[in-house]
């Protein structure tokens, strides 16, 4: 069973970890960022804004990775 800190992080991630869709000529691009943090939980209040979450994350980043994926209909 997750503890309160795990639940707060999961809720914060759901607030900010959605794909950014950018219109392209025939496909959409989705951008994802993954951050490795130096601690298991962040000191953020429930209901914190996505900006507050990102500031808390930025202060604790050990490393980060980015992924850009494309989605579109196949042209057969």
Protein backbone atom coordinates (compact mmCIF):
# COMPACT_ATOMS: atom_id res chain seq x y z
CA UNK A 1 0.00 0.00 0.00
CA UNK A 2 1.51 3.38 -0.99
CA UNK A 3 2.25 5.89 1.74
CA UNK A 4 1.09 9.53 1.69
CA UNK A 5 4.33 10.76 0.08
CA UNK A 6 4.02 8.25 -2.77
CA UNK A 7 0.41 9.28 -3.30
CA UNK A 8 1.33 12.98 -3.41
CA UNK A 9 4.01 12.34 -6.04
CA UNK A 10 1.65 10.20 -8.12
CA UNK A 11 -1.00 12.94 -8.01
CA UNK A 12 1.56 15.58 -8.96
CA UNK A 13 2.82 13.50 -11.86
CA UNK A 14 -0.71 13.06 -13.18
CA UNK A 15 -1.10 16.86 -13.14
CA UNK A 16 1.98 17.58 -15.24
CA UNK A 17 2.85 14.37 -17.10
CA UNK A 18 0.53 14.58 -20.04
CA UNK A 19 1.73 14.61 -23.62
CA UNK A 20 2.08 17.90 -25.41
CA UNK A 21 0.50 17.57 -28.81
CA UNK A 22 1.89 19.71 -31.60
CA UNK A 23 0.19 19.69 -34.98
CA UNK A 24 2.49 18.54 -37.76
CA UNK A 25 1.84 18.05 -41.44
CA UNK A 26 0.50 14.49 -41.16
CA UNK A 27 1.31 13.33 -37.62
CA UNK A 28 1.24 14.52 -34.02
CA UNK A 29 4.33 14.75 -31.86
CA UNK A 30 4.25 13.85 -28.17
CA UNK A 31 6.98 14.99 -25.78
CA UNK A 32 7.70 13.15 -22.50
CA UNK A 33 10.21 14.02 -19.78
CA UNK A 34 11.46 11.64 -17.09
CA UNK A 35 13.32 13.00 -14.07
CA UNK A 36 15.44 11.00 -11.60
CA UNK A 37 15.21 12.76 -8.24
CA UNK A 38 17.52 12.65 -5.23
CA UNK A 39 14.69 11.80 -2.84
CA UNK A 40 11.60 9.64 -2.72
CA UNK A 41 9.10 12.38 -1.93
CA UNK A 42 8.75 16.10 -2.52
CA UNK A 43 7.56 18.69 -0.05
CA UNK A 44 4.52 19.85 -1.96
CA UNK A 45 1.03 20.50 -0.68
CA UNK A 46 -2.00 18.63 -2.02
CA UNK A 47 -3.55 20.68 -4.79
CA UNK A 48 -0.24 22.34 -5.71
CA UNK A 49 -0.11 23.89 -9.16
CA UNK A 50 1.87 22.25 -11.95
CA UNK A 51 4.33 25.17 -11.73
CA UNK A 52 4.90 24.44 -8.00
CA UNK A 53 5.48 20.75 -8.78
CA UNK A 54 7.96 21.54 -11.56
CA UNK A 55 9.88 23.94 -9.30
CA UNK A 56 10.10 21.26 -6.59
CA UNK A 57 11.27 18.71 -9.17
CA UNK A 58 13.85 21.07 -10.70
CA UNK A 59 15.47 21.53 -7.28
CA UNK A 60 15.97 17.75 -6.90
CA UNK A 61 16.92 16.46 -10.38
CA UNK A 62 19.87 14.07 -10.58
CA UNK A 63 19.35 13.28 -14.26
CA UNK A 64 16.66 13.59 -16.91
CA UNK A 65 15.64 12.02 -20.19
CA UNK A 66 13.36 13.22 -22.96
CA UNK A 67 11.43 11.24 -25.53
CA UNK A 68 9.60 12.54 -28.59
CA UNK A 69 7.17 10.16 -30.23
CA UNK A 70 5.16 10.59 -33.39
CA UNK A 71 1.69 9.31 -34.07
CA UNK A 72 -0.18 9.44 -37.35
CA UNK A 73 -2.14 7.38 -39.80
CA UNK A 74 -0.22 5.10 -42.11
CA UNK A 75 -0.29 6.13 -45.75
CA UNK A 76 -0.78 2.91 -47.69
